[in-house]
N, C-alpha and C. Protein backbone atom coordinates (compact mmCIF):
# COMPACT_ATOMS: atom_id res chain seq x y z
N MET A 1 170.22 37.24 139.47
CA MET A 1 171.61 37.14 138.99
C MET A 1 171.68 37.70 137.58
N ASP A 2 172.68 38.48 137.33
CA ASP A 2 172.84 39.11 136.03
C ASP A 2 173.68 38.21 135.13
N ASP A 3 173.18 37.93 133.93
CA ASP A 3 173.91 37.07 133.00
C ASP A 3 174.72 37.88 132.00
N ALA A 4 175.13 39.07 132.39
CA ALA A 4 175.94 39.93 131.50
C ALA A 4 177.31 39.29 131.29
N SER A 5 178.11 39.94 130.49
CA SER A 5 179.46 39.42 130.23
C SER A 5 180.23 39.32 131.54
N PRO A 6 181.27 38.47 131.56
CA PRO A 6 182.04 38.31 132.80
C PRO A 6 182.69 39.63 133.19
N PRO A 7 183.01 39.80 134.48
CA PRO A 7 183.63 41.05 134.90
C PRO A 7 184.95 41.28 134.17
N LEU A 8 185.25 42.53 133.93
CA LEU A 8 186.49 42.87 133.22
C LEU A 8 187.69 42.56 134.12
N GLN A 9 188.75 42.10 133.49
CA GLN A 9 189.99 41.83 134.23
C GLN A 9 190.79 43.13 134.27
N ILE A 10 190.63 43.88 135.33
CA ILE A 10 191.31 45.17 135.47
C ILE A 10 192.78 44.93 135.83
N ASP A 11 193.68 45.55 135.08
CA ASP A 11 195.11 45.38 135.35
C ASP A 11 195.64 46.43 136.33
N ARG A 12 195.01 47.60 136.32
CA ARG A 12 195.47 48.67 137.19
C ARG A 12 194.29 49.58 137.50
N GLU A 13 194.25 50.11 138.70
CA GLU A 13 193.17 51.02 139.09
C GLU A 13 193.77 52.26 139.72
N ILE A 14 193.24 53.43 139.33
CA ILE A 14 193.69 54.67 139.96
C ILE A 14 192.48 55.40 140.53
N ASP A 15 192.71 56.08 141.64
CA ASP A 15 191.66 56.81 142.35
C ASP A 15 191.90 58.29 142.13
N THR A 16 190.98 58.94 141.41
CA THR A 16 191.12 60.38 141.18
C THR A 16 189.97 61.13 141.86
N ARG A 17 189.37 60.51 142.87
CA ARG A 17 188.27 61.16 143.59
C ARG A 17 188.75 62.49 144.18
N GLY A 18 187.90 63.51 144.04
CA GLY A 18 188.23 64.82 144.59
C GLY A 18 189.06 65.68 143.65
N LEU A 19 189.51 65.12 142.54
CA LEU A 19 190.31 65.88 141.57
C LEU A 19 189.42 66.35 140.43
N ASN A 20 189.68 67.56 139.95
CA ASN A 20 188.92 68.08 138.83
C ASN A 20 189.78 68.13 137.58
N CYS A 21 189.12 68.25 136.45
CA CYS A 21 189.77 68.33 135.15
C CYS A 21 190.89 69.37 135.20
N PRO A 22 192.07 69.09 134.67
CA PRO A 22 192.41 67.93 133.85
C PRO A 22 193.13 66.82 134.62
N LEU A 23 193.13 66.89 135.96
CA LEU A 23 193.95 65.94 136.73
C LEU A 23 193.58 64.46 136.52
N PRO A 24 192.29 64.08 136.49
CA PRO A 24 192.00 62.65 136.25
C PRO A 24 192.57 62.16 134.91
N ILE A 25 192.48 62.99 133.88
CA ILE A 25 193.02 62.62 132.57
C ILE A 25 194.54 62.50 132.64
N LEU A 26 195.19 63.47 133.28
CA LEU A 26 196.66 63.44 133.36
C LEU A 26 197.14 62.21 134.12
N LYS A 27 196.45 61.87 135.21
CA LYS A 27 196.84 60.67 135.98
C LYS A 27 196.60 59.40 135.17
N ALA A 28 195.50 59.37 134.42
CA ALA A 28 195.21 58.20 133.57
C ALA A 28 196.26 58.07 132.48
N LYS A 29 196.63 59.19 131.87
CA LYS A 29 197.64 59.17 130.81
C LYS A 29 198.96 58.62 131.34
N LYS A 30 199.37 59.08 132.52
CA LYS A 30 200.62 58.62 133.14
C LYS A 30 200.54 57.11 133.43
N ALA A 31 199.40 56.66 133.96
CA ALA A 31 199.25 55.23 134.27
C ALA A 31 199.28 54.39 132.99
N LEU A 32 198.60 54.84 131.94
CA LEU A 32 198.57 54.10 130.68
C LEU A 32 199.96 53.99 130.07
N ASN A 33 200.78 55.02 130.24
CA ASN A 33 202.14 54.98 129.70
C ASN A 33 202.97 53.86 130.30
N ASP A 34 202.63 53.45 131.51
CA ASP A 34 203.38 52.40 132.21
C ASP A 34 202.78 51.01 132.00
N MET A 35 201.75 50.91 131.15
CA MET A 35 201.05 49.65 130.96
C MET A 35 201.34 49.04 129.59
N GLN A 36 201.03 47.76 129.46
CA GLN A 36 201.22 47.04 128.20
C GLN A 36 199.99 47.21 127.32
N SER A 37 200.18 47.10 126.02
CA SER A 37 199.07 47.17 125.08
C SER A 37 198.01 46.13 125.42
N GLY A 38 196.74 46.55 125.43
CA GLY A 38 195.65 45.63 125.71
C GLY A 38 195.25 45.56 127.18
N GLN A 39 196.09 46.09 128.07
CA GLN A 39 195.74 46.05 129.49
C GLN A 39 194.64 47.06 129.80
N LEU A 40 193.90 46.79 130.87
CA LEU A 40 192.78 47.65 131.25
C LEU A 40 193.12 48.50 132.47
N LEU A 41 192.76 49.78 132.37
CA LEU A 41 192.94 50.74 133.46
C LEU A 41 191.56 51.20 133.92
N LYS A 42 191.32 51.10 135.22
CA LYS A 42 190.07 51.59 135.81
C LYS A 42 190.38 52.90 136.53
N VAL A 43 189.58 53.91 136.20
CA VAL A 43 189.74 55.22 136.83
C VAL A 43 188.45 55.54 137.60
N VAL A 44 188.59 55.84 138.89
CA VAL A 44 187.44 56.24 139.70
C VAL A 44 187.55 57.75 139.93
N ALA A 45 186.51 58.48 139.49
CA ALA A 45 186.53 59.94 139.58
C ALA A 45 185.25 60.44 140.22
N THR A 46 185.28 61.69 140.71
CA THR A 46 184.08 62.33 141.24
C THR A 46 183.70 63.56 140.42
N ASP A 47 184.49 63.89 139.42
CA ASP A 47 184.22 65.06 138.57
C ASP A 47 183.20 64.66 137.49
N PRO A 48 181.99 65.26 137.51
CA PRO A 48 180.98 64.90 136.51
C PRO A 48 181.46 65.14 135.08
N GLY A 49 182.35 66.10 134.90
CA GLY A 49 182.89 66.39 133.57
C GLY A 49 183.79 65.28 133.05
N SER A 50 184.18 64.36 133.95
CA SER A 50 185.11 63.29 133.52
C SER A 50 184.46 62.36 132.50
N LEU A 51 183.13 62.23 132.51
CA LEU A 51 182.47 61.38 131.50
C LEU A 51 182.81 61.87 130.11
N ARG A 52 182.61 63.15 129.88
CA ARG A 52 182.89 63.76 128.59
C ARG A 52 184.41 63.78 128.32
N ASP A 53 185.18 64.10 129.36
CA ASP A 53 186.64 64.20 129.21
C ASP A 53 187.25 62.88 128.76
N PHE A 54 186.81 61.77 129.36
CA PHE A 54 187.41 60.48 128.99
C PHE A 54 186.97 60.03 127.61
N GLU A 55 185.75 60.40 127.19
CA GLU A 55 185.33 60.10 125.82
C GLU A 55 186.24 60.81 124.83
N ALA A 56 186.51 62.09 125.07
CA ALA A 56 187.38 62.87 124.20
C ALA A 56 188.81 62.34 124.24
N PHE A 57 189.28 62.00 125.44
CA PHE A 57 190.64 61.48 125.60
C PHE A 57 190.83 60.20 124.79
N ALA A 58 189.86 59.28 124.86
CA ALA A 58 189.95 58.02 124.13
C ALA A 58 189.97 58.28 122.61
N ARG A 59 189.11 59.18 122.16
CA ARG A 59 189.07 59.52 120.73
C ARG A 59 190.40 60.09 120.26
N GLN A 60 190.98 60.98 121.06
CA GLN A 60 192.20 61.67 120.65
C GLN A 60 193.45 60.80 120.74
N THR A 61 193.46 59.84 121.65
CA THR A 61 194.67 59.05 121.88
C THR A 61 194.64 57.68 121.24
N GLY A 62 193.45 57.19 120.90
CA GLY A 62 193.35 55.85 120.33
C GLY A 62 193.22 54.75 121.36
N HIS A 63 193.22 55.11 122.65
CA HIS A 63 192.96 54.11 123.69
C HIS A 63 191.48 53.78 123.64
N GLY A 64 191.12 52.55 123.98
CA GLY A 64 189.72 52.15 123.96
C GLY A 64 189.01 52.54 125.23
N LEU A 65 187.82 53.10 125.10
CA LEU A 65 186.98 53.37 126.26
C LEU A 65 186.01 52.21 126.36
N VAL A 66 186.35 51.26 127.25
CA VAL A 66 185.64 49.99 127.33
C VAL A 66 184.32 50.13 128.09
N ASP A 67 184.31 50.97 129.12
CA ASP A 67 183.13 51.07 129.97
C ASP A 67 183.13 52.40 130.70
N GLN A 68 181.94 52.94 130.92
CA GLN A 68 181.75 54.10 131.79
C GLN A 68 180.51 53.83 132.61
N GLN A 69 180.61 54.07 133.92
CA GLN A 69 179.46 53.86 134.80
C GLN A 69 179.39 55.01 135.80
N THR A 70 178.18 55.32 136.20
CA THR A 70 177.99 56.27 137.29
C THR A 70 177.44 55.47 138.46
N VAL A 71 178.17 55.50 139.57
CA VAL A 71 177.77 54.76 140.77
C VAL A 71 177.69 55.78 141.90
N GLY A 72 176.46 56.17 142.22
CA GLY A 72 176.29 57.21 143.23
C GLY A 72 176.92 58.50 142.73
N ALA A 73 177.84 59.04 143.51
CA ALA A 73 178.51 60.29 143.13
C ALA A 73 179.84 60.03 142.43
N GLU A 74 180.09 58.77 142.07
CA GLU A 74 181.37 58.42 141.44
C GLU A 74 181.18 58.02 139.98
N PHE A 75 182.20 58.31 139.21
CA PHE A 75 182.20 57.99 137.79
C PHE A 75 183.36 57.04 137.54
N ILE A 76 183.04 55.88 136.96
CA ILE A 76 184.04 54.85 136.75
C ILE A 76 184.28 54.71 135.25
N HIS A 77 185.55 54.80 134.88
CA HIS A 77 185.94 54.71 133.47
C HIS A 77 186.91 53.56 133.33
N VAL A 78 186.74 52.75 132.28
CA VAL A 78 187.68 51.66 132.02
C VAL A 78 188.25 51.88 130.63
N LEU A 79 189.56 52.01 130.56
CA LEU A 79 190.28 52.25 129.32
C LEU A 79 191.14 51.06 128.96
N ARG A 80 191.20 50.74 127.66
CA ARG A 80 192.10 49.69 127.18
C ARG A 80 193.30 50.35 126.52
N ARG A 81 194.49 50.01 127.01
CA ARG A 81 195.72 50.58 126.45
C ARG A 81 195.85 50.16 125.00
N ARG A 82 196.13 51.12 124.13
CA ARG A 82 196.27 50.80 122.71
C ARG A 82 197.58 50.12 122.44
């Protein structure tokens, strides 16, 4: 059993599997615009470039990049709405 921090309370999840840059970022941006400050957005992507793209997106927009994971061929990003 893993004693890591409790699972994140995801407020919204979007599936961008099969989409390439810049579509995962654009869909995340649209979803974040409809969310409240502090809420968490989970993005599931298959574009390997999305790891770098979401790091840059968070830096440029001020949204928090809470977590990034690679699970098999999928890349999971969790953003906190600023």
